[in-house]
Amino acid sequence: MELLEIADASGELVAQASEIGDLGWFDVDRLPALPHPASLACRMILHVLARGRETEDG
């Protein structure tokens, strides 16, 4: 079995090319749908997006 490095020397995760290719959702036209609006996951995603917009607006 081949041993793959999952992190660099600083601890940052290193994506393997095969992992990225297998995911298939990175294409902007094939992004997954948001979770149900009542879910915690959806609220967290929307919160992060709103914070990013606030940061961009200054």
C-alpha atoms as a PDB file:
ATOM      1  CA  MET A   1       0.000   0.000   0.000  1.00  0.00           C
ATOM      2  CA  GLU A   2       1.306   3.451  -0.920  1.00  0.00           C
ATOM      3  CA  LEU A   3       1.679   5.905   1.972  1.00  0.00           C
ATOM      4  CA  LEU A   4       0.323   9.366   1.085  1.00  0.00           C
ATOM      5  CA  GLU A   5       1.192  12.586   2.869  1.00  0.00           C
ATOM      6  CA  ILE A   6      -1.990  14.201   4.128  1.00  0.00           C
ATOM      7  CA  ALA A   7      -0.341  17.305   5.616  1.00  0.00           C
ATOM      8  CA  ASP A   8       2.697  19.425   4.886  1.00  0.00           C
ATOM      9  CA  ALA A   9       5.353  20.419   7.425  1.00  0.00           C
ATOM     10  CA  SER A  10       3.194  23.289   8.755  1.00  0.00           C
ATOM     11  CA  GLY A  11       0.196  21.008   9.300  1.00  0.00           C
ATOM     12  CA  GLU A  12      -1.843  22.228   6.319  1.00  0.00           C
ATOM     13  CA  LEU A  13      -3.832  19.468   4.654  1.00  0.00           C
ATOM     14  CA  VAL A  14      -2.598  18.525   1.205  1.00  0.00           C
ATOM     15  CA  ALA A  15      -5.281  17.476  -1.272  1.00  0.00           C
ATOM     16  CA  GLN A  16      -4.394  14.528  -3.453  1.00  0.00           C
ATOM     17  CA  ALA A  17      -5.156  14.967  -7.153  1.00  0.00           C
ATOM     18  CA  SER A  18      -7.168  11.734  -7.215  1.00  0.00           C
ATOM     19  CA  GLU A  19      -9.337  12.940  -4.312  1.00  0.00           C
ATOM     20  CA  ILE A  20     -10.187  16.181  -6.075  1.00  0.00           C
ATOM     21  CA  GLY A  21     -10.993  14.396  -9.329  1.00  0.00           C
ATOM     22  CA  ASP A  22     -13.181  11.846  -7.555  1.00  0.00           C
ATOM     23  CA  LEU A  23     -15.282  14.510  -5.832  1.00  0.00           C
ATOM     24  CA  GLY A  24     -16.686  15.934  -9.043  1.00  0.00           C
ATOM     25  CA  TRP A  25     -18.474  18.842  -7.308  1.00  0.00           C
ATOM     26  CA  PHE A  26     -15.753  21.434  -7.829  1.00  0.00           C
ATOM     27  CA  ASP A  27     -17.198  22.400 -11.227  1.00  0.00           C
ATOM     28  CA  VAL A  28     -19.142  25.637 -10.648  1.00  0.00           C
ATOM     29  CA  ASP A  29     -22.011  24.269 -12.756  1.00  0.00           C
ATOM     30  CA  ARG A  30     -22.255  21.105 -10.649  1.00  0.00           C
ATOM     31  CA  LEU A  31     -22.184  22.443  -7.082  1.00  0.00           C
ATOM     32  CA  PRO A  32     -24.349  20.603  -4.567  1.00  0.00           C
ATOM     33  CA  ALA A  33     -27.599  22.194  -3.406  1.00  0.00           C
ATOM     34  CA  LEU A  34     -27.805  23.830   0.003  1.00  0.00           C
ATOM     35  CA  PRO A  35     -29.191  21.699   2.820  1.00  0.00           C
ATOM     36  CA  HIS A  36     -32.801  22.234   3.949  1.00  0.00           C
ATOM     37  CA  PRO A  37     -33.281  25.886   5.077  1.00  0.00           C
ATOM     38  CA  ALA A  38     -34.323  24.801   8.583  1.00  0.00           C
ATOM     39  CA  SER A  39     -31.123  22.812   9.113  1.00  0.00           C
ATOM     40  CA  LEU A  40     -28.202  23.982  11.201  1.00  0.00           C
ATOM     41  CA  ALA A  41     -25.872  23.271   8.273  1.00  0.00           C
ATOM     42  CA  CYS A  42     -27.768  25.683   6.010  1.00  0.00           C
ATOM     43  CA  ARG A  43     -27.817  28.405   8.673  1.00  0.00           C
ATOM     44  CA  MET A  44     -24.070  27.996   9.211  1.00  0.00           C
ATOM     45  CA  ILE A  45     -23.341  28.236   5.483  1.00  0.00           C
ATOM     46  CA  LEU A  46     -25.486  31.350   5.090  1.00  0.00           C
ATOM     47  CA  HIS A  47     -23.866  32.922   8.170  1.00  0.00           C
ATOM     48  CA  VAL A  48     -20.366  32.391   6.759  1.00  0.00           C
ATOM     49  CA  LEU A  49     -21.424  33.813   3.382  1.00  0.00           C
ATOM     50  CA  ALA A  50     -22.937  36.881   5.062  1.00  0.00           C
ATOM     51  CA  ARG A  51     -19.762  37.439   7.119  1.00  0.00           C
ATOM     52  CA  GLY A  52     -17.719  37.231   3.933  1.00  0.00           C
ATOM     53  CA  ARG A  53     -19.900  39.856   2.293  1.00  0.00           C
ATOM     54  CA  GLU A  54     -19.510  42.142   5.328  1.00  0.00           C
ATOM     55  CA  THR A  55     -15.739  41.756   5.114  1.00  0.00           C
ATOM     56  CA  GLU A  56     -15.719  42.557   1.390  1.00  0.00           C
ATOM     57  CA  ASP A  57     -17.907  45.635   1.945  1.00  0.00           C
ATOM     58  CA  GLY A  58     -15.471  46.853   4.570  1.00  0.00           C
END
